[in-house]
Amino acid sequence: MTQRAHMPTALAVLLLAGALVAAGSQAQDAKEEPKVPAGQQVFLKYKCNSCHTLEAAKVVKVEDEDEAKDSSTKRKPPDLSGVGKKHPAAWMEKYLTKKEMIDGERHSKKFRGTEEELKTVTAWLETYKVEAKKAKKS
């Protein structure tokens, strides 16, 4: 065979090798990006962090401007880092759908997502059993 006959084969090998290197690089990039748990995705989707923090998951509260100005709210929503120690997921589902109470009060907002999303977020929250740090008094 002549050298020209081997050219298409050599080109194909080079293209295949390049594709494999690129695929390996993308797979490596995917491994390096931290995966956000499905429950956390639901928590953020429905802006649960507009009231709550979850320090154990590094989820911080995002206040809107009106809330930052108005400090007259009667009760400060808790950090949920230890919610799994206190309540199972099934109880949290009831609380988030206003069928259960804490200290005679229902959750301030009824969960707006699907039943599946509710189960996903409460199962995720149930895994958090770390005591939240106490806020410093000023």
N, C-alpha and C. Protein backbone atom coordinates (compact mmCIF):
# COMPACT_ATOMS: atom_id res chain seq x y z
N MET A 1 0.83 -1.17 0.00
CA MET A 1 0.00 0.00 0.00
C MET A 1 0.88 1.24 0.00
N THR A 2 0.38 2.29 -0.60
CA THR A 2 1.16 3.51 -0.66
C THR A 2 0.87 4.36 0.57
N GLN A 3 1.71 5.37 0.71
CA GLN A 3 1.56 6.26 1.86
C GLN A 3 0.23 6.99 1.79
N ARG A 4 -0.23 7.28 0.56
CA ARG A 4 -1.50 7.97 0.38
C ARG A 4 -2.68 7.13 0.84
N ALA A 5 -2.60 5.85 0.69
CA ALA A 5 -3.69 4.95 1.10
C ALA A 5 -3.85 4.96 2.61
N HIS A 6 -2.78 5.20 3.35
CA HIS A 6 -2.84 5.22 4.81
C HIS A 6 -3.30 6.58 5.36
N MET A 7 -3.33 7.61 4.55
CA MET A 7 -3.72 8.95 5.00
C MET A 7 -5.12 8.98 5.59
N PRO A 8 -6.16 8.45 4.94
CA PRO A 8 -7.49 8.50 5.54
C PRO A 8 -7.53 7.75 6.89
N THR A 9 -6.82 6.64 6.99
CA THR A 9 -6.80 5.88 8.24
C THR A 9 -6.11 6.68 9.33
N ALA A 10 -5.00 7.30 9.01
CA ALA A 10 -4.27 8.10 10.00
C ALA A 10 -5.12 9.29 10.44
N LEU A 11 -5.82 9.92 9.51
CA LEU A 11 -6.68 11.05 9.83
C LEU A 11 -7.82 10.60 10.75
N ALA A 12 -8.40 9.47 10.44
CA ALA A 12 -9.49 8.94 11.27
C ALA A 12 -8.99 8.66 12.69
N VAL A 13 -7.81 8.09 12.81
CA VAL A 13 -7.24 7.80 14.13
C VAL A 13 -7.01 9.10 14.90
N LEU A 14 -6.47 10.11 14.23
CA LEU A 14 -6.24 11.39 14.89
C LEU A 14 -7.56 12.04 15.33
N LEU A 15 -8.57 11.98 14.48
CA LEU A 15 -9.87 12.56 14.85
C LEU A 15 -10.49 11.82 16.02
N LEU A 16 -10.40 10.49 16.01
CA LEU A 16 -10.93 9.69 17.10
C LEU A 16 -10.20 10.00 18.40
N ALA A 17 -8.87 10.09 18.34
CA ALA A 17 -8.08 10.40 19.53
C ALA A 17 -8.47 11.77 20.07
N GLY A 18 -8.63 12.74 19.20
CA GLY A 18 -9.02 14.08 19.62
C GLY A 18 -10.40 14.08 20.29
N ALA A 19 -11.33 13.31 19.73
CA ALA A 19 -12.67 13.22 20.30
C ALA A 19 -12.62 12.57 21.68
N LEU A 20 -11.80 11.54 21.83
CA LEU A 20 -11.69 10.88 23.13
C LEU A 20 -11.08 11.80 24.18
N VAL A 21 -10.08 12.56 23.79
CA VAL A 21 -9.46 13.51 24.72
C VAL A 21 -10.48 14.57 25.13
N ALA A 22 -11.24 15.08 24.18
CA ALA A 22 -12.25 16.09 24.48
C ALA A 22 -13.33 15.52 25.40
N ALA A 23 -13.78 14.31 25.13
CA ALA A 23 -14.80 13.68 25.97
C ALA A 23 -14.27 13.46 27.38
N GLY A 24 -13.04 13.05 27.50
CA GLY A 24 -12.43 12.84 28.81
C GLY A 24 -12.32 14.14 29.57
N SER A 25 -12.00 15.21 28.87
CA SER A 25 -11.89 16.52 29.49
C SER A 25 -13.25 16.98 30.00
N GLN A 26 -14.31 16.78 29.20
CA GLN A 26 -15.65 17.17 29.63
C GLN A 26 -16.09 16.34 30.82
N ALA A 27 -15.78 15.05 30.82
CA ALA A 27 -16.14 14.20 31.94
C ALA A 27 -15.42 14.67 33.21
N GLN A 28 -14.16 15.06 33.09
CA GLN A 28 -13.40 15.55 34.22
C GLN A 28 -14.01 16.84 34.75
N ASP A 29 -14.41 17.74 33.82
CA ASP A 29 -15.04 19.00 34.23
C ASP A 29 -16.33 18.73 34.99
N ALA A 30 -17.12 17.75 34.51
CA ALA A 30 -18.38 17.42 35.16
C ALA A 30 -18.14 16.89 36.57
N LYS A 31 -17.07 16.14 36.77
CA LYS A 31 -16.76 15.60 38.09
C LYS A 31 -16.34 16.71 39.06
N GLU A 32 -15.71 17.74 38.55
CA GLU A 32 -15.20 18.81 39.40
C GLU A 32 -16.29 19.76 39.85
N GLU A 33 -17.37 19.91 39.06
CA GLU A 33 -18.45 20.80 39.44
C GLU A 33 -19.25 20.13 40.56
N PRO A 34 -19.44 20.82 41.68
CA PRO A 34 -20.22 20.22 42.75
C PRO A 34 -21.69 20.09 42.33
N LYS A 35 -22.27 18.93 42.60
CA LYS A 35 -23.65 18.70 42.23
C LYS A 35 -24.56 19.21 43.35
N VAL A 36 -25.54 20.01 42.98
CA VAL A 36 -26.49 20.54 43.94
C VAL A 36 -27.58 19.49 44.12
N PRO A 37 -27.82 19.05 45.36
CA PRO A 37 -28.85 18.04 45.61
C PRO A 37 -30.23 18.52 45.14
N ALA A 38 -31.05 17.58 44.72
CA ALA A 38 -32.39 17.91 44.20
C ALA A 38 -33.21 18.68 45.23
N GLY A 39 -33.12 18.28 46.50
CA GLY A 39 -33.87 18.97 47.53
C GLY A 39 -33.45 20.43 47.68
N GLN A 40 -32.16 20.67 47.56
CA GLN A 40 -31.65 22.04 47.64
C GLN A 40 -32.13 22.84 46.43
N GLN A 41 -32.18 22.20 45.27
CA GLN A 41 -32.68 22.88 44.07
C GLN A 41 -34.13 23.34 44.28
N VAL A 42 -34.95 22.47 44.88
CA VAL A 42 -36.35 22.83 45.16
C VAL A 42 -36.40 23.96 46.19
N PHE A 43 -35.59 23.86 47.23
CA PHE A 43 -35.51 24.88 48.28
C PHE A 43 -35.22 26.25 47.67
N LEU A 44 -34.28 26.29 46.75
CA LEU A 44 -33.91 27.56 46.11
C LEU A 44 -34.94 28.00 45.08
N LYS A 45 -35.50 27.04 44.35
CA LYS A 45 -36.51 27.34 43.32
C LYS A 45 -37.70 28.09 43.92
N TYR A 46 -38.14 27.64 45.09
CA TYR A 46 -39.30 28.26 45.73
C TYR A 46 -38.91 29.33 46.74
N LYS A 47 -37.65 29.74 46.68
CA LYS A 47 -37.13 30.87 47.47
C LYS A 47 -37.35 30.69 48.97
N CYS A 48 -37.19 29.45 49.44
CA CYS A 48 -37.28 29.20 50.88
C CYS A 48 -36.19 29.98 51.61
N ASN A 49 -35.10 30.28 50.89
CA ASN A 49 -34.00 31.04 51.48
C ASN A 49 -34.30 32.54 51.54
N SER A 50 -35.50 32.95 51.18
CA SER A 50 -35.86 34.35 51.40
C SER A 50 -36.22 34.55 52.88
N CYS A 51 -36.48 33.44 53.58
CA CYS A 51 -36.73 33.50 55.02
C CYS A 51 -35.70 32.69 55.82
N HIS A 52 -35.36 31.53 55.33
CA HIS A 52 -34.53 30.59 56.09
C HIS A 52 -33.09 30.51 55.58
N THR A 53 -32.19 30.23 56.52
CA THR A 53 -30.83 29.83 56.18
C THR A 53 -30.73 28.34 56.46
N LEU A 54 -29.72 27.73 55.90
CA LEU A 54 -29.41 26.34 56.19
C LEU A 54 -27.89 26.28 56.14
N GLU A 55 -27.28 26.76 57.23
CA GLU A 55 -25.83 26.90 57.27
C GLU A 55 -25.10 25.60 56.99
N ALA A 56 -25.66 24.48 57.41
CA ALA A 56 -25.01 23.19 57.19
C ALA A 56 -24.86 22.88 55.70
N ALA A 57 -25.74 23.43 54.87
CA ALA A 57 -25.67 23.24 53.42
C ALA A 57 -25.10 24.47 52.72
N LYS A 58 -24.64 25.44 53.51
CA LYS A 58 -24.10 26.69 52.98
C LYS A 58 -25.15 27.46 52.16
N VAL A 59 -26.39 27.39 52.62
CA VAL A 59 -27.47 28.15 51.99
C VAL A 59 -27.76 29.34 52.90
N VAL A 60 -27.61 30.52 52.35
CA VAL A 60 -27.81 31.73 53.14
C VAL A 60 -29.12 32.41 52.79
N LYS A 61 -29.62 33.15 53.75
CA LYS A 61 -30.86 33.89 53.56
C LYS A 61 -30.60 35.06 52.62
N VAL A 62 -31.52 35.27 51.69
CA VAL A 62 -31.43 36.39 50.77
C VAL A 62 -32.59 37.32 51.09
N GLU A 63 -32.29 38.44 51.72
CA GLU A 63 -33.33 39.39 52.12
C GLU A 63 -33.65 40.34 50.98
N ASP A 64 -34.92 40.68 50.86
CA ASP A 64 -35.25 41.74 49.91
C ASP A 64 -35.16 43.08 50.65
N GLU A 65 -35.16 44.16 49.92
CA GLU A 65 -34.94 45.49 50.52
C GLU A 65 -36.03 45.85 51.53
N ASP A 66 -37.29 45.53 51.21
CA ASP A 66 -38.39 45.87 52.12
C ASP A 66 -38.24 45.15 53.45
N GLU A 67 -37.85 43.88 53.40
CA GLU A 67 -37.69 43.10 54.62
C GLU A 67 -36.53 43.63 55.45
N ALA A 68 -35.45 44.02 54.79
CA ALA A 68 -34.29 44.55 55.51
C ALA A 68 -34.66 45.83 56.27
N LYS A 69 -35.54 46.65 55.69
CA LYS A 69 -35.96 47.90 56.34
C LYS A 69 -36.96 47.64 57.46
N ASP A 70 -37.82 46.61 57.28
CA ASP A 70 -38.87 46.32 58.25
C ASP A 70 -38.40 45.25 59.22
N SER A 71 -38.04 45.67 60.41
CA SER A 71 -37.58 44.71 61.42
C SER A 71 -38.68 44.37 62.41
N SER A 72 -39.93 44.68 62.06
CA SER A 72 -41.05 44.46 62.98
C SER A 72 -41.66 43.07 62.86
N THR A 73 -41.06 42.19 62.06
CA THR A 73 -41.64 40.85 61.94
C THR A 73 -41.64 40.19 63.31
N LYS A 74 -42.74 39.48 63.61
CA LYS A 74 -42.91 38.96 64.97
C LYS A 74 -41.95 37.83 65.31
N ARG A 75 -41.58 37.01 64.37
CA ARG A 75 -40.72 35.88 64.68
C ARG A 75 -39.68 35.68 63.58
N LYS A 76 -38.44 35.51 63.99
CA LYS A 76 -37.37 35.32 63.02
C LYS A 76 -37.37 33.86 62.57
N PRO A 77 -37.48 33.60 61.26
CA PRO A 77 -37.45 32.22 60.78
C PRO A 77 -36.11 31.57 61.14
N PRO A 78 -36.15 30.31 61.56
CA PRO A 78 -34.92 29.65 62.03
C PRO A 78 -34.01 29.17 60.92
N ASP A 79 -32.74 28.96 61.29
CA ASP A 79 -31.82 28.22 60.45
C ASP A 79 -32.29 26.77 60.51
N LEU A 80 -32.32 26.08 59.39
CA LEU A 80 -32.88 24.74 59.34
C LEU A 80 -31.83 23.63 59.40
N SER A 81 -30.62 23.97 59.82
CA SER A 81 -29.55 22.97 59.86
C SER A 81 -29.85 21.77 60.75
N GLY A 82 -30.70 21.94 61.75
CA GLY A 82 -31.00 20.84 62.66
C GLY A 82 -32.44 20.35 62.57
N VAL A 83 -33.15 20.75 61.53
CA VAL A 83 -34.57 20.42 61.43
C VAL A 83 -34.81 18.91 61.38
N GLY A 84 -33.88 18.15 60.84
CA GLY A 84 -34.03 16.70 60.77
C GLY A 84 -33.96 16.02 62.13
N LYS A 85 -33.35 16.69 63.11
CA LYS A 85 -33.31 16.15 64.48
C LYS A 85 -34.67 16.27 65.15
N LYS A 86 -35.40 17.30 64.77
CA LYS A 86 -36.67 17.60 65.44
C LYS A 86 -37.87 16.96 64.76
N HIS A 87 -37.83 16.90 63.42
CA HIS A 87 -39.02 16.48 62.68
C HIS A 87 -38.68 15.54 61.52
N PRO A 88 -39.51 14.50 61.32
CA PRO A 88 -39.33 13.64 60.14
C PRO A 88 -39.92 14.32 58.89
N ALA A 89 -39.55 13.84 57.74
CA ALA A 89 -40.01 14.42 56.48
C ALA A 89 -41.54 14.46 56.38
N ALA A 90 -42.21 13.40 56.82
CA ALA A 90 -43.68 13.35 56.72
C ALA A 90 -44.31 14.49 57.53
N TRP A 91 -43.77 14.80 58.70
CA TRP A 91 -44.29 15.90 59.50
C TRP A 91 -44.03 17.23 58.79
N MET A 92 -42.83 17.38 58.22
CA MET A 92 -42.50 18.63 57.51
C MET A 92 -43.45 18.86 56.34
N GLU A 93 -43.82 17.78 55.65
CA GLU A 93 -44.78 17.91 54.54
C GLU A 93 -46.09 18.51 55.04
N LYS A 94 -46.56 18.03 56.17
CA LYS A 94 -47.80 18.56 56.74
C LYS A 94 -47.64 20.02 57.17
N TYR A 95 -46.52 20.32 57.77
CA TYR A 95 -46.28 21.70 58.22
C TYR A 95 -46.22 22.66 57.03
N LEU A 96 -45.55 22.26 55.97
CA LEU A 96 -45.41 23.14 54.80
C LEU A 96 -46.70 23.27 54.00
N THR A 97 -47.66 22.38 54.26
CA THR A 97 -48.96 22.49 53.60
C THR A 97 -50.03 22.97 54.59
N LYS A 98 -49.57 23.53 55.72
CA LYS A 98 -50.42 24.16 56.74
C LYS A 98 -51.38 23.19 57.42
N LYS A 99 -50.97 21.93 57.54
CA LYS A 99 -51.79 20.93 58.22
C LYS A 99 -51.23 20.61 59.61
N GLU A 100 -50.14 21.25 59.97
CA GLU A 100 -49.48 21.02 61.26
C GLU A 100 -49.00 22.37 61.77
N MET A 101 -48.79 22.45 63.10
CA MET A 101 -48.37 23.73 63.70
C MET A 101 -47.14 23.57 64.59
N ILE A 102 -46.45 24.68 64.79
CA ILE A 102 -45.36 24.78 65.76
C ILE A 102 -45.75 25.92 66.70
N ASP A 103 -45.80 25.63 67.98
CA ASP A 103 -46.18 26.63 68.99
C ASP A 103 -47.48 27.34 68.63
N GLY A 104 -48.45 26.58 68.13
CA GLY A 104 -49.75 27.13 67.80
C GLY A 104 -49.81 27.93 66.51
N GLU A 105 -48.73 27.91 65.74
CA GLU A 105 -48.70 28.67 64.48
C GLU A 105 -48.39 27.77 63.30
N ARG A 106 -49.04 28.06 62.19
CA ARG A 106 -48.79 27.34 60.95
C ARG A 106 -47.65 28.04 60.20
N HIS A 107 -47.05 27.33 59.25
CA HIS A 107 -45.99 27.93 58.43
C HIS A 107 -46.57 29.15 57.73
N SER A 108 -45.79 30.19 57.59
CA SER A 108 -46.30 31.45 57.05
C SER A 108 -46.74 31.35 55.59
N LYS A 109 -46.16 30.45 54.84
CA LYS A 109 -46.51 30.32 53.42
C LYS A 109 -46.76 28.85 53.10
N LYS A 110 -47.82 28.58 52.36
CA LYS A 110 -48.11 27.21 51.93
C LYS A 110 -47.19 26.87 50.76
N PHE A 111 -46.60 25.67 50.80
CA PHE A 111 -45.70 25.23 49.74
C PHE A 111 -46.45 25.23 48.41
N ARG A 112 -45.85 25.83 47.37
CA ARG A 112 -46.51 26.00 46.08
C ARG A 112 -46.12 24.96 45.04
N GLY A 113 -45.16 24.11 45.36
CA GLY A 113 -44.69 23.15 44.37
C GLY A 113 -45.56 21.92 44.26
N THR A 114 -45.07 20.95 43.49
CA THR A 114 -45.79 19.70 43.29
C THR A 114 -45.60 18.80 44.51
N GLU A 115 -46.39 17.76 44.57
CA GLU A 115 -46.28 16.76 45.64
C GLU A 115 -44.88 16.13 45.61
N GLU A 116 -44.38 15.86 44.41
CA GLU A 116 -43.04 15.27 44.27
C GLU A 116 -41.96 16.23 44.78
N GLU A 117 -42.10 17.51 44.45
CA GLU A 117 -41.13 18.50 44.93
C GLU A 117 -41.19 18.62 46.45
N LEU A 118 -42.39 18.55 47.01
CA LEU A 118 -42.54 18.61 48.46
C LEU A 118 -41.83 17.44 49.12
N LYS A 119 -42.00 16.26 48.58
CA LYS A 119 -41.34 15.07 49.12
C LYS A 119 -39.81 15.19 48.97
N THR A 120 -39.37 15.74 47.85
CA THR A 120 -37.94 15.90 47.60
C THR A 120 -37.31 16.87 48.59
N VAL A 121 -37.93 18.01 48.80
CA VAL A 121 -37.34 19.02 49.69
C VAL A 121 -37.40 18.57 51.15
N THR A 122 -38.48 17.91 51.54
CA THR A 122 -38.57 17.48 52.94
C THR A 122 -37.63 16.30 53.23
N ALA A 123 -37.45 15.41 52.27
CA ALA A 123 -36.49 14.31 52.45
C ALA A 123 -35.08 14.88 52.58
N TRP A 124 -34.77 15.90 51.80
CA TRP A 124 -33.46 16.56 51.87
C TRP A 124 -33.30 17.26 53.23
N LEU A 125 -34.32 18.00 53.65
CA LEU A 125 -34.25 18.70 54.94
C LEU A 125 -34.10 17.72 56.10
N GLU A 126 -34.73 16.56 55.99
CA GLU A 126 -34.66 15.56 57.06
C GLU A 126 -33.23 15.07 57.30
N THR A 127 -32.38 15.19 56.29
CA THR A 127 -30.99 14.74 56.45
C THR A 127 -30.16 15.70 57.29
N TYR A 128 -30.67 16.90 57.54
CA TYR A 128 -29.91 17.89 58.29
C TYR A 128 -30.22 17.77 59.78
N LYS A 129 -29.21 17.32 60.51
CA LYS A 129 -29.38 17.05 61.93
C LYS A 129 -28.27 17.71 62.75
N VAL A 130 -27.78 18.83 62.25
CA VAL A 130 -26.70 19.57 62.90
C VAL A 130 -27.30 20.76 63.63
N GLU A 131 -26.87 20.97 64.87
CA GLU A 131 -27.37 22.13 65.60
C GLU A 131 -26.92 23.41 64.91
N ALA A 132 -27.86 24.31 64.71
CA ALA A 132 -27.55 25.60 64.10
C ALA A 132 -26.80 26.47 65.10
N LYS A 133 -25.91 27.29 64.58
CA LYS A 133 -25.19 28.23 65.44
C LYS A 133 -26.17 29.28 65.93
N LYS A 134 -26.05 29.63 67.16
CA LYS A 134 -26.91 30.67 67.73
C LYS A 134 -26.48 32.03 67.22
N ALA A 135 -27.47 32.84 66.88
CA ALA A 135 -27.18 34.19 66.40
C ALA A 135 -26.61 35.02 67.55
N LYS A 136 -25.65 35.85 67.21
CA LYS A 136 -25.06 36.73 68.22
C LYS A 136 -26.04 37.82 68.58
N LYS A 137 -26.18 38.10 69.87
CA LYS A 137 -27.06 39.18 70.29
C LYS A 137 -26.29 40.49 70.23
N SER A 138 -26.98 41.51 69.69
CA SER A 138 -26.28 42.80 69.57
C SER A 138 -26.62 43.73 70.69
